[in-house]
Amino acid sequence: MKHSCYTVTQRIMKIIPLFMVITITLNTGIITKAAELNENLRPFGEIIGRYDYMDNYDFNNNTNDKEETFYARTRLGLDFGFKHIGGRFQIRDFRQFGNSLRNFPDKSNTKIREAYIDLISIPLENMDITIGRQEIAKGEERILGSNDWHWIGYTHDAISIAVKPTPYQKWNALFIKVGESSIADGKTIDNRAYVSGFYTSFFLESFEKLEPYYFYQNYASSPLIPQIVSSDSQGKDYKVHTFGLLTKLNITENLFLGFEGNLQSGDFGTKNLESFLLHTKVGVETGVQEINSVILSYDIYSGDKDPNDNTINTYQPIFPSYYEHTGLIGWFGMKNLTDLRLSLSGDIFNSLTWKIDGHLFSVHRLEDGVYLPNNTLYNFVYNSASYSSTSNDLGREVDIILSLPLIKDLSLTATSSFLEPGKYVEDSFGCKGGTNTHFTIGVKWGF
C-alpha cells in the first residue's frame, strides 16, 4: 500500500473538531496566596494537572502513536527568613497516567526538590551565599535554567555566591555537584561530575542586559556525556570550557536588539571539542494593545564538519534541555540545528493574551546527525541504514498560546502546536512523514 506525506492543511482540517473542544475546555490556573504564619515563615504550594494529546510523535504515518496522557504535579514547601539567614524546604511529587510513549522519569516519586540556606550580607554586606539544593537560572535560560515548565524541572545541589560591589554591576559564582536532580531523569551520576562557573551583570544606560559568562563542565564517564555521530560516548571523560556573552541593547524606547553567543573548547575522550552557539534577535514593543510585541530571531547550534576527524564540532548544552510549545526543538536537542523564529503577542478584549510563534528549522551540517534533548541521536538517523537526505529542511512549526484571566488569581490557558516535518525527516521515512500535532489542557492551583 502506498503512503504519502500529509500537508499541514490536511492535518489541521482533520483535527479542527478536537481543537475546538480543547479551546473550549482550555487550561485553568488558580494562584492564591496563603496567609503567612508570621513575618518569618511562609508556606506555599501548587497542584497542577494537565491533559496532553499528541499525534505523530515520531512523524511517521505508518505507526500508531496517538497519545492521551494525564500528568499531575504537586509541590509543597516552606520559606523562612530572618535578618541574616533565610532558606527554603520543598518536596514534590509527579504522577503520569495514560498511554504516553514519552515516558517521563521519576513519574511516581516523591522527592525533596529544594532545600537550601541563604546567608544574607555574610561575610560581606553586599554578598549573599546560597547553599543546598536550589533552582539556578541565568539570563534567558538558554545555557543554564530551571526549565520549570517541564514536569520534573531542574534543581541543583550547589553553592552560589552573588556580590554587588556597586549599583552598576553584580558578580555571580557557582559550583554545581551534578546529581539526578540536575538532569531530572533519576540516573545514577558519577560522583566526580560537576559544573562550575561565573557570570557578571553590568547595569548600563543603554544595555538592559550585558552579561559575560564562563562555565566549566567535568563529566567523568557519567550518563550526562553526550552521544554524537563522531564518537561513542561510553567510558569517556568530558571536560569542556564555555565562554559566552549575553546582551540586550535598547536602540529606542520601543526597538531593541539581542545577542547571545558562546564558544566551547575542551576534551571528549581522545578527541577535541570545538563548537559554538549563536542567537540574534530584533524586537519592537509597539505600544498597541492588540499586537504589543513583534520579535524576529535566529539561532545556530553548531554541527560537526567531519565525523571522522579528531575534532568534534557538535554543540553541547550544559544540561539536556526541554522547551515549552516549540515541538521540534523540544524533541530535537540544541545540536546541529538552526531556528528562524517570528514571535507575535498581544492582548484583545482587554484581557485575552495571545502569542503565536512561527519556526523554520534546518539541519546545520548534513555530515552530522539529529539529536534528542537527552543527548542521544534521534533513532531515525542512526537506525536508518538507507538514510541519504541532501536537504537541510528539518521542518516548519506554528505554536499558539491563549490565556484568559477569569477572576482574581484564576486564569484559563490553551496551547496548540502544529509541526510539519521537512524533506530531511521525510527522506528518513521514505516520504511517510506526518504532521505532528500537540494540545494541552491543564489545571493549576497554588497558594
Protein backbone atom coordinates (compact mmCIF):
# COMPACT_ATOMS: atom_id res chain seq x y z
CA MET A 1 0.00 0.00 0.00
CA LYS A 2 1.41 3.35 -0.99
CA HIS A 3 1.72 6.06 1.67
CA SER A 4 2.06 9.77 1.03
CA CYS A 5 3.17 12.71 3.14
CA TYR A 6 0.48 14.77 4.83
CA THR A 7 0.48 18.54 4.45
CA VAL A 8 -0.14 20.96 7.29
CA THR A 9 -3.53 21.92 5.79
CA GLN A 10 -4.72 18.31 5.62
CA ARG A 11 -3.69 17.63 9.19
CA ILE A 12 -5.28 20.82 10.56
CA MET A 13 -8.57 20.06 8.78
CA LYS A 14 -8.65 16.61 10.40
CA ILE A 15 -8.09 17.97 13.93
CA ILE A 16 -10.29 21.08 13.89
CA PRO A 17 -13.09 19.36 15.89
CA LEU A 18 -10.61 18.31 18.61
CA PHE A 19 -9.05 21.77 18.67
CA MET A 20 -12.48 23.33 19.22
CA VAL A 21 -13.12 21.03 22.20
CA ILE A 22 -9.72 21.78 23.67
CA THR A 23 -10.09 25.50 23.16
CA ILE A 24 -13.42 25.43 25.00
CA THR A 25 -12.02 23.32 27.82
CA LEU A 26 -8.79 25.30 27.97
CA ASN A 27 -6.26 25.43 30.74
CA THR A 28 -7.30 26.52 34.23
CA GLY A 29 -4.98 28.29 36.65
CA ILE A 30 -5.61 29.28 40.21
CA ILE A 31 -2.93 31.13 42.12
CA THR A 32 -3.82 32.22 45.62
CA LYS A 33 -1.59 33.32 48.44
CA ALA A 34 -1.88 31.80 51.87
CA ALA A 35 -1.62 33.96 54.94
CA GLU A 36 1.87 33.95 56.37
CA LEU A 37 2.31 32.05 59.60
CA ASN A 38 4.23 35.08 60.82
CA GLU A 39 6.66 37.56 59.36
CA ASN A 40 9.42 34.93 59.24
CA LEU A 41 7.63 31.85 57.83
CA ARG A 42 5.58 31.44 54.64
CA PRO A 43 4.12 28.13 53.46
CA PHE A 44 3.48 27.69 49.74
CA GLY A 45 2.46 25.04 47.29
CA GLU A 46 0.87 24.16 43.97
CA ILE A 47 -1.07 21.31 42.42
CA ILE A 48 -1.10 21.02 38.63
CA GLY A 49 -3.00 18.55 36.50
CA ARG A 50 -2.74 18.51 32.70
CA TYR A 51 -4.32 16.52 29.90
CA ASP A 52 -1.92 16.09 26.99
CA TYR A 53 -2.82 14.95 23.46
CA MET A 54 -0.29 14.24 20.72
CA ASP A 55 -0.37 12.56 17.33
CA ASN A 56 2.58 11.59 15.12
CA TYR A 57 5.20 11.91 17.83
CA ASP A 58 7.71 10.17 15.53
CA PHE A 59 6.48 11.95 12.35
CA ASN A 60 5.71 8.56 10.80
CA ASN A 61 2.18 7.85 9.48
CA ASN A 62 2.85 4.10 9.48
CA THR A 63 2.94 3.88 13.28
CA ASN A 64 0.03 4.22 15.68
CA ASP A 65 1.40 6.67 18.23
CA LYS A 66 -1.55 8.79 19.33
CA GLU A 67 -1.17 9.74 22.97
CA GLU A 68 -3.69 10.77 25.58
CA THR A 69 -1.99 11.28 28.91
CA PHE A 70 -2.70 12.97 32.20
CA TYR A 71 0.09 14.41 34.32
CA ALA A 72 -0.15 15.54 37.94
CA ARG A 73 2.49 17.53 39.82
CA THR A 74 2.34 18.55 43.48
CA ARG A 75 4.76 20.82 45.32
CA LEU A 76 4.62 21.82 48.99
CA GLY A 77 7.17 24.00 50.73
CA LEU A 78 8.10 26.47 53.43
CA ASP A 79 10.13 29.68 53.07
CA PHE A 80 11.76 31.19 56.15
CA GLY A 81 13.69 34.40 56.62
CA PHE A 82 15.37 36.32 59.42
CA LYS A 83 17.80 39.24 59.47
CA HIS A 84 20.86 37.46 58.06
CA ILE A 85 19.61 33.99 57.25
CA GLY A 86 16.82 32.57 55.14
CA GLY A 87 16.01 29.47 53.17
CA ARG A 88 13.50 27.09 51.68
CA PHE A 89 12.39 23.48 52.01
CA GLN A 90 10.17 21.98 49.29
CA ILE A 91 9.01 18.48 48.36
CA ARG A 92 7.49 17.46 45.03
CA ASP A 93 5.53 14.54 43.64
CA PHE A 94 4.97 13.66 39.96
CA ARG A 95 2.45 11.19 38.52
CA GLN A 96 1.79 10.11 34.95
CA PHE A 97 -1.30 8.25 33.73
CA GLY A 98 -2.19 7.10 30.23
CA ASN A 99 -0.55 5.72 27.10
CA SER A 100 2.28 8.22 26.63
CA LEU A 101 5.17 6.97 24.51
CA ARG A 102 7.27 9.77 26.03
CA ASN A 103 7.76 8.24 29.47
CA PHE A 104 8.98 10.83 31.93
CA PRO A 105 11.41 9.67 34.61
CA ASP A 106 10.60 9.73 38.33
CA LYS A 107 6.94 9.72 37.32
CA SER A 108 5.72 8.27 40.61
CA ASN A 109 8.38 9.51 43.00
CA THR A 110 8.10 11.91 45.91
CA LYS A 111 11.39 13.70 46.47
CA ILE A 112 13.00 16.73 48.02
CA ARG A 113 13.02 19.38 45.29
CA GLU A 114 14.64 22.28 47.15
CA ALA A 115 16.42 22.52 50.50
CA TYR A 116 18.78 25.44 50.94
CA ILE A 117 20.02 28.13 53.30
CA ASP A 118 20.62 31.77 52.35
CA LEU A 119 23.34 33.70 54.13
CA ILE A 120 22.39 37.37 53.65
CA SER A 121 25.14 40.01 53.81
CA ILE A 122 27.51 37.42 55.29
CA PRO A 123 30.50 37.70 55.42
CA LEU A 124 30.30 41.00 53.48
CA GLU A 125 27.46 43.49 53.46
CA ASN A 126 26.97 43.21 49.70
CA MET A 127 27.35 39.41 49.47
CA ASP A 128 24.70 36.67 49.52
CA ILE A 129 25.53 32.95 49.65
CA THR A 130 23.05 30.14 48.91
CA ILE A 131 23.97 26.58 49.93
CA GLY A 132 21.94 23.46 49.15
CA ARG A 133 19.51 22.14 46.54
CA GLN A 134 18.24 25.14 44.58
CA GLU A 135 16.99 26.45 41.24
CA ILE A 136 19.64 28.23 39.17
CA ALA A 137 18.61 30.31 36.17
CA LYS A 138 20.94 32.52 34.12
CA GLY A 139 19.88 35.14 31.62
CA GLU A 140 17.24 33.78 29.27
CA GLU A 141 17.91 30.21 30.44
CA ARG A 142 19.33 29.18 27.10
CA ILE A 143 22.50 27.93 28.79
CA LEU A 144 21.54 27.28 32.39
CA GLY A 145 17.99 27.34 33.70
CA SER A 146 15.35 25.68 35.85
CA ASN A 147 13.18 24.60 32.88
CA ASP A 148 10.32 24.74 35.33
CA TRP A 149 7.60 24.43 32.66
CA HIS A 150 8.76 20.81 32.33
CA TRP A 151 7.05 18.41 34.70
CA ILE A 152 10.13 17.50 36.67
CA GLY A 153 12.15 20.71 36.38
CA TYR A 154 15.78 21.21 37.30
CA THR A 155 17.25 21.90 40.70
CA HIS A 156 20.91 21.60 41.61
CA ASP A 157 22.94 20.67 44.67
CA ALA A 158 25.07 23.77 44.58
CA ILE A 159 26.80 26.70 46.21
CA SER A 160 26.03 30.04 44.58
CA ILE A 161 27.54 33.39 45.57
CA ALA A 162 26.31 36.82 44.49
CA VAL A 163 28.29 40.00 45.08
CA LYS A 164 27.16 43.51 44.14
CA PRO A 165 30.11 45.85 44.76
CA THR A 166 28.42 48.82 43.04
CA PRO A 167 24.89 49.63 41.83
CA TYR A 168 26.14 49.09 38.26
CA GLN A 169 27.48 45.54 38.45
CA LYS A 170 26.76 42.16 40.00
CA TRP A 171 29.06 39.15 40.08
CA ASN A 172 27.79 35.57 40.44
CA ALA A 173 29.84 32.41 41.02
CA LEU A 174 28.55 28.87 41.36
CA PHE A 175 29.58 25.28 41.85
CA ILE A 176 27.12 22.50 40.98
CA LYS A 177 27.58 18.94 42.16
CA VAL A 178 25.76 17.18 39.33
CA GLY A 179 23.17 14.71 40.57
CA GLU A 180 19.87 13.22 39.48
CA SER A 181 18.00 16.47 40.29
CA SER A 182 20.27 18.32 37.83
CA ILE A 183 19.11 16.26 34.87
CA ALA A 184 15.71 15.18 36.20
CA ASP A 185 15.95 11.61 34.95
CA GLY A 186 16.72 9.57 38.04
CA LYS A 187 20.04 8.29 36.67
CA THR A 188 22.93 7.44 38.92
CA ILE A 189 25.59 10.07 38.25
CA ASP A 190 29.31 9.59 38.75
CA ASN A 191 30.32 11.44 41.92
CA ARG A 192 33.04 13.29 40.01
CA ALA A 193 30.61 15.11 37.71
CA TYR A 194 30.35 18.87 38.36
CA VAL A 195 29.83 22.25 36.72
CA SER A 196 31.47 25.46 37.91
CA GLY A 197 31.50 28.98 36.55
CA PHE A 198 30.65 32.65 36.92
CA TYR A 199 28.64 35.32 35.16
CA THR A 200 28.56 39.09 35.56
CA SER A 201 25.72 41.56 35.06
CA PHE A 202 26.50 45.17 34.16
CA PHE A 203 23.70 47.73 34.51
CA LEU A 204 24.28 50.47 31.93
CA GLU A 205 22.02 53.13 30.49
CA SER A 206 21.55 51.62 27.02
CA PHE A 207 22.04 47.93 27.84
CA GLU A 208 19.13 46.21 29.50
CA LYS A 209 21.42 43.17 29.68
CA LEU A 210 25.19 42.85 29.40
CA GLU A 211 26.37 39.54 30.84
CA PRO A 212 29.70 37.85 30.06
CA TYR A 213 29.94 34.31 31.44
CA TYR A 214 32.16 31.24 31.76
CA PHE A 215 31.32 27.63 32.67
CA TYR A 216 33.44 24.51 33.06
CA GLN A 217 31.91 21.02 32.76
CA ASN A 218 33.63 17.93 34.13
CA TYR A 219 31.55 14.82 33.46
CA ALA A 220 33.69 11.81 34.26
CA SER A 221 32.15 8.93 32.30
CA SER A 222 28.67 9.84 33.56
CA PRO A 223 25.26 9.45 31.82
CA LEU A 224 25.45 13.18 31.03
CA ILE A 225 28.15 12.55 28.44
CA PRO A 226 26.58 13.13 25.02
CA GLN A 227 26.18 10.60 22.25
CA ILE A 228 27.27 12.11 18.94
CA VAL A 229 27.90 10.87 15.43
CA SER A 230 31.66 11.29 15.55
CA SER A 231 32.33 9.45 18.81
CA ASP A 232 30.91 6.72 21.02
CA SER A 233 30.27 8.33 24.40
CA GLN A 234 30.64 5.26 26.59
CA GLY A 235 33.52 5.15 29.05
CA LYS A 236 34.99 8.54 28.14
CA ASP A 237 35.61 11.70 30.12
CA TYR A 238 34.09 15.01 29.07
CA LYS A 239 35.84 18.25 30.10
CA VAL A 240 34.65 21.41 28.34
CA HIS A 241 35.01 25.21 28.76
CA THR A 242 32.20 27.53 27.61
CA PHE A 243 32.88 31.27 27.12
CA GLY A 244 29.93 33.48 26.27
CA LEU A 245 28.19 36.84 26.21
CA LEU A 246 24.50 37.78 26.52
CA THR A 247 23.31 41.30 25.61
CA LYS A 248 20.11 43.24 25.08
CA LEU A 249 20.52 46.76 23.71
CA ASN A 250 17.69 49.29 23.73
CA ILE A 251 18.04 51.25 20.47
CA THR A 252 14.97 53.42 21.11
CA GLU A 253 12.17 53.30 23.64
CA ASN A 254 10.40 50.63 21.54
CA LEU A 255 13.16 48.99 19.45
CA PHE A 256 15.75 46.56 20.87
CA LEU A 257 18.48 44.20 19.68
CA GLY A 258 19.51 40.99 21.42
CA PHE A 259 22.56 38.76 21.08
CA GLU A 260 23.96 35.68 22.75
CA GLY A 261 26.99 33.78 21.62
CA ASN A 262 29.39 31.31 23.14
CA LEU A 263 32.33 29.15 22.18
CA GLN A 264 33.07 25.71 23.59
CA SER A 265 36.51 24.16 23.81
CA GLY A 266 37.71 21.04 25.58
CA ASP A 267 38.27 17.30 25.51
CA PHE A 268 35.90 14.43 24.86
CA GLY A 269 37.83 11.23 25.44
CA THR A 270 40.68 11.23 22.92
CA LYS A 271 39.04 13.92 20.73
CA ASN A 272 38.88 17.71 20.89
CA LEU A 273 35.61 19.63 21.14
CA GLU A 274 35.26 22.99 19.35
CA SER A 275 31.67 24.22 18.93
CA PHE A 276 29.52 27.35 19.15
CA LEU A 277 26.06 28.79 19.77
CA LEU A 278 24.78 32.00 18.15
CA HIS A 279 21.50 33.76 18.93
CA THR A 280 20.39 37.12 17.49
CA LYS A 281 17.07 38.93 17.66
CA VAL A 282 15.44 42.24 16.86
CA GLY A 283 12.20 43.25 18.52
CA VAL A 284 9.63 46.03 18.64
CA GLU A 285 7.36 46.91 21.55
CA THR A 286 4.62 48.62 19.56
CA GLY A 287 2.63 50.22 22.36
CA VAL A 288 -0.51 48.89 20.65
CA GLN A 289 -2.50 46.57 22.89
CA GLU A 290 -3.74 44.20 20.17
CA ILE A 291 -0.19 43.48 18.90
CA ASN A 292 2.20 44.74 21.52
CA SER A 293 5.34 42.79 20.59
CA VAL A 294 7.00 41.60 17.36
CA ILE A 295 10.31 39.70 17.61
CA LEU A 296 12.40 38.09 14.85
CA SER A 297 15.22 35.80 16.00
CA TYR A 298 17.72 33.34 14.58
CA ASP A 299 19.62 30.56 16.42
CA ILE A 300 22.50 28.35 15.33
CA TYR A 301 23.69 25.34 17.34
CA SER A 302 26.75 24.09 15.51
CA GLY A 303 27.12 20.67 13.87
CA ASP A 304 30.16 18.53 13.10
CA LYS A 305 32.04 19.25 9.86
CA ASP A 306 33.72 15.85 9.65
CA PRO A 307 32.69 12.98 11.97
CA ASN A 308 35.84 11.07 11.02
CA ASP A 309 38.45 13.62 12.13
CA ASN A 310 39.78 14.24 15.63
CA THR A 311 37.67 17.37 16.29
CA ILE A 312 34.01 17.39 17.35
CA ASN A 313 32.03 20.50 16.32
CA THR A 314 28.59 19.43 17.62
CA TYR A 315 27.31 21.97 20.14
CA GLN A 316 26.72 20.58 23.64
CA PRO A 317 24.23 22.17 26.08
CA ILE A 318 25.48 22.18 29.66
CA PHE A 319 22.45 20.09 30.63
CA PRO A 320 19.98 18.27 28.37
CA SER A 321 17.20 20.77 27.77
CA TYR A 322 13.43 20.85 27.30
CA TYR A 323 11.42 23.68 25.75
CA GLU A 324 7.79 24.76 26.00
CA HIS A 325 5.45 24.91 22.99
CA THR A 326 8.26 24.53 20.45
CA GLY A 327 7.68 20.95 19.40
CA LEU A 328 10.65 20.28 17.13
CA ILE A 329 13.32 21.76 19.36
CA GLY A 330 11.56 20.03 22.23
CA TRP A 331 12.04 16.61 20.63
CA PHE A 332 15.31 17.56 18.89
CA GLY A 333 18.06 18.91 21.11
CA MET A 334 20.08 22.11 20.79
CA LYS A 335 22.62 20.46 18.47
CA ASN A 336 23.35 20.73 14.74
CA LEU A 337 20.25 22.90 14.35
CA THR A 338 19.16 26.35 13.12
CA ASP A 339 15.89 28.05 14.04
CA LEU A 340 14.42 31.14 12.31
CA ARG A 341 11.59 32.32 14.56
CA LEU A 342 8.91 35.02 14.36
CA SER A 343 7.03 35.77 17.60
CA LEU A 344 3.90 37.91 17.85
CA SER A 345 1.98 38.66 21.04
CA GLY A 346 -0.74 40.96 22.28
CA ASP A 347 -3.98 41.42 24.21
CA ILE A 348 -7.51 41.60 22.85
CA PHE A 349 -10.84 42.25 24.57
CA ASN A 350 -8.80 43.93 27.34
CA SER A 351 -7.91 40.59 28.92
CA LEU A 352 -7.26 37.77 26.41
CA THR A 353 -3.50 37.38 25.99
CA TRP A 354 -2.28 35.61 22.87
CA LYS A 355 1.07 34.57 21.45
CA ILE A 356 1.97 32.97 18.11
CA ASP A 357 5.42 31.59 17.26
CA GLY A 358 6.42 30.50 13.76
CA HIS A 359 9.59 28.44 13.23
CA LEU A 360 11.66 27.34 10.26
CA PHE A 361 14.05 24.60 11.44
CA SER A 362 17.08 23.40 9.47
CA VAL A 363 19.98 21.00 9.95
CA HIS A 364 23.19 22.97 10.34
CA ARG A 365 25.51 20.35 8.79
CA LEU A 366 24.36 17.28 6.86
CA GLU A 367 27.56 15.46 7.84
CA ASP A 368 26.25 15.35 11.42
CA GLY A 369 23.11 13.76 12.89
CA VAL A 370 19.94 15.00 14.60
CA TYR A 371 19.60 14.65 18.35
CA LEU A 372 17.15 14.21 21.19
CA PRO A 373 17.26 16.56 24.21
CA ASN A 374 18.64 13.76 26.40
CA ASN A 375 21.96 13.84 24.49
CA THR A 376 21.26 10.80 22.26
CA LEU A 377 20.97 10.54 18.50
CA TYR A 378 17.44 10.57 17.09
CA ASN A 379 16.51 6.98 16.23
CA PHE A 380 15.50 7.56 12.61
CA VAL A 381 19.05 8.77 11.91
CA TYR A 382 21.16 6.07 13.46
CA ASN A 383 18.68 3.22 12.79
CA SER A 384 18.19 4.01 9.12
CA ALA A 385 20.94 2.46 7.03
CA SER A 386 19.38 3.87 3.86
CA TYR A 387 19.26 7.46 5.12
CA SER A 388 20.69 9.77 2.44
CA SER A 389 18.91 13.15 2.51
CA THR A 390 20.53 16.05 0.66
CA SER A 391 18.13 18.61 2.16
CA ASN A 392 18.69 20.69 5.31
CA ASP A 393 14.93 21.30 5.69
CA LEU A 394 14.03 19.89 9.11
CA GLY A 395 10.51 21.27 9.47
CA ARG A 396 8.07 24.14 9.95
CA GLU A 397 6.09 24.80 13.10
CA VAL A 398 3.36 27.07 14.47
CA ASP A 399 2.74 27.38 18.23
CA ILE A 400 -0.32 29.13 19.69
CA ILE A 401 -0.85 30.13 23.33
CA LEU A 402 -4.03 31.78 24.64
CA SER A 403 -4.52 32.97 28.22
CA LEU A 404 -7.66 34.50 29.74
CA PRO A 405 -7.96 35.70 33.38
CA LEU A 406 -11.40 34.98 34.82
CA ILE A 407 -11.38 36.35 38.34
CA LYS A 408 -8.62 37.27 40.75
CA ASP A 409 -5.89 34.59 40.64
CA LEU A 410 -7.89 32.47 38.19
CA SER A 411 -6.94 32.18 34.52
CA LEU A 412 -7.51 29.87 31.57
CA THR A 413 -4.87 28.89 29.04
CA ALA A 414 -4.94 26.82 25.86
CA THR A 415 -1.89 25.72 23.87
CA SER A 416 -1.51 24.04 20.50
CA SER A 417 1.37 23.14 18.22
CA PHE A 418 1.49 22.05 14.57
CA LEU A 419 4.76 20.75 13.14
CA GLU A 420 5.14 19.69 9.52
CA PRO A 421 8.40 17.74 9.00
CA GLY A 422 10.70 18.85 6.22
CA LYS A 423 12.40 16.85 3.50
CA TYR A 424 15.22 15.81 5.83
CA VAL A 425 12.73 13.92 8.02
CA GLU A 426 10.61 12.67 5.12
CA ASP A 427 13.65 11.23 3.35
CA SER A 428 14.41 9.27 6.50
CA PHE A 429 11.00 7.57 6.31
CA GLY A 430 10.81 7.24 2.52
CA CYS A 431 8.25 10.10 2.35
CA LYS A 432 5.99 8.70 5.07
CA GLY A 433 6.40 11.60 7.47
CA GLY A 434 3.24 13.00 9.08
CA THR A 435 2.49 16.35 10.73
CA ASN A 436 2.99 16.37 14.48
CA THR A 437 0.03 17.86 16.39
CA HIS A 438 0.06 18.66 20.10
CA PHE A 439 -2.55 20.11 22.51
CA THR A 440 -2.55 20.61 26.25
CA ILE A 441 -5.29 21.29 28.78
CA GLY A 442 -4.29 21.96 32.35
CA VAL A 443 -5.43 22.97 35.82
CA LYS A 444 -3.27 24.84 38.31
CA TRP A 445 -3.97 25.68 41.92
CA GLY A 446 -1.43 27.42 44.10
CA PHE A 447 -1.14 29.19 47.40
